[in-house]
Amino acid sequence: RLAEQGFVAVRFNPALFPDGLDSPVGKALFEKAGELVLPVGIMCFSGFTAQAPAIEALMKSSPDTTVVIDHWGFFRQPATGGLLGDAGVNDEEAWEKLLALAQ
């Protein structure tokens, strides 16, 4: 039904999962998206590092679900779209965790 309505993917915002992305609700939604062949985009506005363990757990629990990490996981913080110029900083730990997911 979602495909008939024009949906081609879903987006997860970690801030909307108070019990974590890898909570029972998150796991169920992630698995269902995979069954429906809907890629899951994950938007880590507050940075990638804190979400990396949950994202990895989801990927392990449902390896056939396609994952898209929106905006490179916002490894550059704060996530202001470059408006801060040199005041923004690269979170090297986040970058390394993001690259580690590409297995």
N, C-alpha and C. Protein backbone atom coordinates (compact mmCIF):
# COMPACT_ATOMS: atom_id res chain seq x y z
N ARG A 1 0.81 -1.19 0.00
CA ARG A 1 0.00 0.00 0.00
C ARG A 1 0.86 1.27 0.00
N LEU A 2 1.97 1.27 0.75
CA LEU A 2 2.82 2.45 0.77
C LEU A 2 3.38 2.75 -0.61
N ALA A 3 3.80 1.71 -1.33
CA ALA A 3 4.33 1.91 -2.68
C ALA A 3 3.25 2.49 -3.59
N GLU A 4 2.02 2.01 -3.43
CA GLU A 4 0.91 2.53 -4.24
C GLU A 4 0.67 4.01 -3.98
N GLN A 5 1.00 4.46 -2.78
CA GLN A 5 0.83 5.87 -2.42
C GLN A 5 2.05 6.71 -2.81
N GLY A 6 3.05 6.07 -3.39
CA GLY A 6 4.21 6.81 -3.87
C GLY A 6 5.40 6.84 -2.94
N PHE A 7 5.32 6.16 -1.80
CA PHE A 7 6.45 6.13 -0.89
C PHE A 7 7.56 5.25 -1.46
N VAL A 8 8.79 5.73 -1.37
CA VAL A 8 9.93 4.95 -1.87
C VAL A 8 10.96 4.71 -0.77
N ALA A 9 10.79 5.34 0.39
CA ALA A 9 11.71 5.17 1.52
C ALA A 9 11.05 5.75 2.76
N VAL A 10 11.69 5.54 3.90
CA VAL A 10 11.25 6.14 5.16
C VAL A 10 12.45 6.82 5.81
N ARG A 11 12.18 7.76 6.69
CA ARG A 11 13.25 8.44 7.41
C ARG A 11 13.03 8.26 8.91
N PHE A 12 14.11 7.91 9.58
CA PHE A 12 14.10 7.82 11.04
C PHE A 12 14.83 9.04 11.59
N ASN A 13 14.21 9.72 12.52
CA ASN A 13 14.83 10.80 13.27
C ASN A 13 15.04 10.27 14.68
N PRO A 14 16.29 10.03 15.11
CA PRO A 14 16.53 9.45 16.42
C PRO A 14 15.86 10.20 17.57
N ALA A 15 15.67 11.50 17.43
CA ALA A 15 15.03 12.28 18.49
C ALA A 15 13.59 11.84 18.73
N LEU A 16 12.98 11.19 17.76
CA LEU A 16 11.59 10.75 17.89
C LEU A 16 11.46 9.33 18.43
N PHE A 17 12.58 8.75 18.84
CA PHE A 17 12.59 7.41 19.43
C PHE A 17 13.10 7.53 20.86
N PRO A 18 12.23 7.89 21.80
CA PRO A 18 12.69 8.14 23.18
C PRO A 18 13.37 6.94 23.83
N ASP A 19 13.05 5.74 23.38
CA ASP A 19 13.69 4.55 23.94
C ASP A 19 14.84 4.07 23.07
N GLY A 20 15.23 4.87 22.07
CA GLY A 20 16.35 4.54 21.20
C GLY A 20 15.91 3.95 19.89
N LEU A 21 16.73 4.17 18.88
CA LEU A 21 16.44 3.61 17.55
C LEU A 21 16.32 2.10 17.59
N ASP A 22 17.11 1.46 18.45
CA ASP A 22 17.10 -0.01 18.51
C ASP A 22 16.14 -0.54 19.57
N SER A 23 15.18 0.28 19.97
CA SER A 23 14.12 -0.17 20.88
C SER A 23 13.24 -1.17 20.14
N PRO A 24 12.37 -1.87 20.84
CA PRO A 24 11.46 -2.80 20.15
C PRO A 24 10.67 -2.12 19.03
N VAL A 25 10.22 -0.89 19.25
CA VAL A 25 9.47 -0.18 18.21
C VAL A 25 10.39 0.11 17.02
N GLY A 26 11.58 0.62 17.29
CA GLY A 26 12.53 0.92 16.22
C GLY A 26 12.90 -0.31 15.42
N LYS A 27 13.15 -1.42 16.13
CA LYS A 27 13.50 -2.66 15.43
C LYS A 27 12.35 -3.14 14.56
N ALA A 28 11.13 -3.07 15.09
CA ALA A 28 9.98 -3.53 14.31
C ALA A 28 9.78 -2.68 13.06
N LEU A 29 9.89 -1.37 13.20
CA LEU A 29 9.73 -0.49 12.04
C LEU A 29 10.84 -0.70 11.01
N PHE A 30 12.07 -0.87 11.50
CA PHE A 30 13.22 -1.08 10.62
C PHE A 30 13.05 -2.39 9.84
N GLU A 31 12.65 -3.44 10.55
CA GLU A 31 12.45 -4.74 9.90
C GLU A 31 11.32 -4.67 8.88
N LYS A 32 10.23 -4.02 9.23
CA LYS A 32 9.09 -3.91 8.31
C LYS A 32 9.49 -3.12 7.06
N ALA A 33 10.26 -2.06 7.24
CA ALA A 33 10.73 -1.30 6.08
C ALA A 33 11.53 -2.21 5.15
N GLY A 34 12.37 -3.05 5.72
CA GLY A 34 13.15 -3.99 4.91
C GLY A 34 12.26 -4.97 4.16
N GLU A 35 11.25 -5.48 4.84
CA GLU A 35 10.32 -6.42 4.20
C GLU A 35 9.61 -5.75 3.02
N LEU A 36 9.32 -4.46 3.16
CA LEU A 36 8.62 -3.72 2.11
C LEU A 36 9.58 -3.15 1.07
N VAL A 37 10.85 -3.46 1.22
CA VAL A 37 11.92 -2.97 0.33
C VAL A 37 11.93 -1.43 0.29
N LEU A 38 11.75 -0.83 1.46
CA LEU A 38 11.82 0.62 1.61
C LEU A 38 13.12 0.95 2.33
N PRO A 39 14.05 1.63 1.68
CA PRO A 39 15.27 2.04 2.38
C PRO A 39 14.93 2.91 3.58
N VAL A 40 15.76 2.84 4.61
CA VAL A 40 15.59 3.65 5.80
C VAL A 40 16.69 4.71 5.84
N GLY A 41 16.28 5.97 5.74
CA GLY A 41 17.21 7.08 5.91
C GLY A 41 17.24 7.45 7.38
N ILE A 42 18.43 7.68 7.91
CA ILE A 42 18.55 8.05 9.32
C ILE A 42 19.18 9.43 9.39
N MET A 43 18.48 10.35 10.04
CA MET A 43 18.87 11.76 10.12
C MET A 43 19.35 12.07 11.53
N CYS A 44 20.65 12.09 11.73
CA CYS A 44 21.25 12.29 13.05
C CYS A 44 21.61 13.76 13.25
N PHE A 45 20.60 14.61 13.42
CA PHE A 45 20.82 16.05 13.56
C PHE A 45 21.85 16.37 14.64
N SER A 46 21.79 15.65 15.74
CA SER A 46 22.66 15.95 16.88
C SER A 46 24.00 15.25 16.81
N GLY A 47 24.29 14.65 15.69
CA GLY A 47 25.57 13.96 15.53
C GLY A 47 25.40 12.46 15.46
N PHE A 48 26.37 11.84 14.87
CA PHE A 48 26.30 10.41 14.58
C PHE A 48 26.78 9.53 15.72
N THR A 49 27.77 9.99 16.47
CA THR A 49 28.44 9.14 17.46
C THR A 49 27.47 8.47 18.43
N ALA A 50 26.55 9.24 18.99
CA ALA A 50 25.62 8.69 19.98
C ALA A 50 24.68 7.65 19.38
N GLN A 51 24.40 7.76 18.08
CA GLN A 51 23.45 6.86 17.42
C GLN A 51 24.11 5.64 16.80
N ALA A 52 25.42 5.67 16.64
CA ALA A 52 26.11 4.59 15.93
C ALA A 52 25.84 3.20 16.50
N PRO A 53 25.88 2.99 17.83
CA PRO A 53 25.61 1.63 18.34
C PRO A 53 24.21 1.13 17.99
N ALA A 54 23.21 2.00 18.07
CA ALA A 54 21.84 1.59 17.75
C ALA A 54 21.69 1.30 16.26
N ILE A 55 22.32 2.12 15.42
CA ILE A 55 22.25 1.89 13.98
C ILE A 55 22.91 0.57 13.63
N GLU A 56 24.05 0.31 14.22
CA GLU A 56 24.74 -0.96 13.98
C GLU A 56 23.88 -2.14 14.43
N ALA A 57 23.23 -2.00 15.58
CA ALA A 57 22.35 -3.08 16.08
C ALA A 57 21.19 -3.32 15.13
N LEU A 58 20.59 -2.25 14.61
CA LEU A 58 19.50 -2.41 13.64
C LEU A 58 19.98 -3.12 12.39
N MET A 59 21.14 -2.71 11.90
CA MET A 59 21.67 -3.31 10.68
C MET A 59 21.97 -4.80 10.88
N LYS A 60 22.43 -5.15 12.07
CA LYS A 60 22.70 -6.57 12.35
C LYS A 60 21.41 -7.37 12.50
N SER A 61 20.37 -6.73 13.06
CA SER A 61 19.11 -7.44 13.28
C SER A 61 18.33 -7.65 12.00
N SER A 62 18.54 -6.79 11.01
CA SER A 62 17.82 -6.87 9.75
C SER A 62 18.78 -6.50 8.61
N PRO A 63 19.71 -7.41 8.30
CA PRO A 63 20.78 -7.08 7.34
C PRO A 63 20.31 -6.80 5.92
N ASP A 64 19.11 -7.18 5.56
CA ASP A 64 18.64 -6.93 4.20
C ASP A 64 17.99 -5.55 4.04
N THR A 65 17.83 -4.83 5.14
CA THR A 65 17.25 -3.49 5.07
C THR A 65 18.31 -2.51 4.60
N THR A 66 18.01 -1.77 3.57
CA THR A 66 18.94 -0.77 3.04
C THR A 66 18.92 0.46 3.95
N VAL A 67 20.11 0.95 4.28
CA VAL A 67 20.25 2.11 5.17
C VAL A 67 20.94 3.25 4.42
N VAL A 68 20.40 4.44 4.59
CA VAL A 68 21.01 5.66 4.07
C VAL A 68 21.25 6.57 5.27
N ILE A 69 22.51 6.93 5.49
CA ILE A 69 22.82 7.87 6.57
C ILE A 69 22.79 9.27 5.96
N ASP A 70 21.71 9.99 6.28
CA ASP A 70 21.51 11.32 5.70
C ASP A 70 22.62 12.28 6.11
N HIS A 71 23.05 13.08 5.16
CA HIS A 71 24.02 14.16 5.39
C HIS A 71 25.30 13.66 6.04
N TRP A 72 25.74 12.49 5.62
CA TRP A 72 27.00 11.91 6.14
C TRP A 72 26.98 11.81 7.66
N GLY A 73 25.81 11.65 8.25
CA GLY A 73 25.70 11.50 9.69
C GLY A 73 25.93 12.79 10.47
N PHE A 74 25.94 13.93 9.76
CA PHE A 74 26.21 15.21 10.42
C PHE A 74 27.50 15.12 11.24
N PHE A 75 28.54 14.59 10.64
CA PHE A 75 29.81 14.49 11.37
C PHE A 75 30.41 15.88 11.62
N ARG A 76 29.93 16.87 10.89
CA ARG A 76 30.37 18.25 11.15
C ARG A 76 29.32 18.88 12.05
N GLN A 77 29.75 19.34 13.23
CA GLN A 77 28.84 19.87 14.23
C GLN A 77 29.22 21.28 14.62
N PRO A 78 28.27 22.11 15.03
CA PRO A 78 26.85 21.79 15.02
C PRO A 78 26.31 21.71 13.59
N ALA A 79 25.22 21.00 13.44
CA ALA A 79 24.64 20.74 12.12
C ALA A 79 23.85 21.96 11.67
N THR A 80 24.55 22.91 11.08
CA THR A 80 23.91 24.16 10.65
C THR A 80 24.01 24.38 9.16
N GLY A 81 24.40 23.35 8.42
CA GLY A 81 24.51 23.50 6.98
C GLY A 81 25.67 24.37 6.56
N GLY A 82 26.71 24.45 7.37
CA GLY A 82 27.89 25.23 7.03
C GLY A 82 27.78 26.70 7.36
N LEU A 83 26.71 27.10 8.03
CA LEU A 83 26.50 28.52 8.31
C LEU A 83 27.53 29.09 9.29
N LEU A 84 28.20 28.22 10.05
CA LEU A 84 29.16 28.71 11.04
C LEU A 84 30.56 28.87 10.48
N GLY A 85 30.77 28.45 9.24
CA GLY A 85 32.11 28.56 8.65
C GLY A 85 33.14 27.82 9.48
N ASP A 86 34.18 28.53 9.87
CA ASP A 86 35.27 27.91 10.63
C ASP A 86 34.89 27.58 12.07
N ALA A 87 33.73 28.05 12.55
CA ALA A 87 33.31 27.76 13.92
C ALA A 87 32.78 26.34 14.06
N GLY A 88 32.37 25.72 12.95
CA GLY A 88 31.96 24.32 12.99
C GLY A 88 33.18 23.42 13.08
N VAL A 89 33.00 22.25 13.65
CA VAL A 89 34.13 21.33 13.79
C VAL A 89 33.75 19.95 13.26
N ASN A 90 34.73 19.27 12.74
CA ASN A 90 34.54 17.89 12.31
C ASN A 90 34.67 16.98 13.52
N ASP A 91 33.72 16.10 13.68
CA ASP A 91 33.75 15.11 14.75
C ASP A 91 34.42 13.87 14.17
N GLU A 92 35.71 13.74 14.41
CA GLU A 92 36.48 12.64 13.82
C GLU A 92 35.99 11.28 14.29
N GLU A 93 35.56 11.18 15.53
CA GLU A 93 35.04 9.91 16.04
C GLU A 93 33.78 9.51 15.26
N ALA A 94 32.90 10.48 15.01
CA ALA A 94 31.69 10.21 14.23
C ALA A 94 32.05 9.76 12.82
N TRP A 95 33.02 10.42 12.22
CA TRP A 95 33.44 10.06 10.87
C TRP A 95 33.95 8.63 10.83
N GLU A 96 34.78 8.25 11.79
CA GLU A 96 35.31 6.89 11.84
C GLU A 96 34.20 5.86 12.05
N LYS A 97 33.23 6.17 12.91
CA LYS A 97 32.11 5.25 13.14
C LYS A 97 31.25 5.11 11.89
N LEU A 98 31.07 6.21 11.18
CA LEU A 98 30.30 6.16 9.93
C LEU A 98 31.01 5.26 8.92
N LEU A 99 32.29 5.47 8.75
CA LEU A 99 33.04 4.64 7.80
C LEU A 99 33.03 3.17 8.20
N ALA A 100 33.03 2.89 9.50
CA ALA A 100 33.03 1.51 9.98
C ALA A 100 31.74 0.77 9.59
N LEU A 101 30.65 1.51 9.39
CA LEU A 101 29.39 0.86 9.00
C LEU A 101 29.43 0.33 7.58
N ALA A 102 30.31 0.85 6.76
CA ALA A 102 30.39 0.46 5.35
C ALA A 102 31.11 -0.88 5.24
N GLN A 103 30.44 -1.92 5.65
CA GLN A 103 31.04 -3.26 5.65
C GLN A 103 30.54 -4.07 4.48
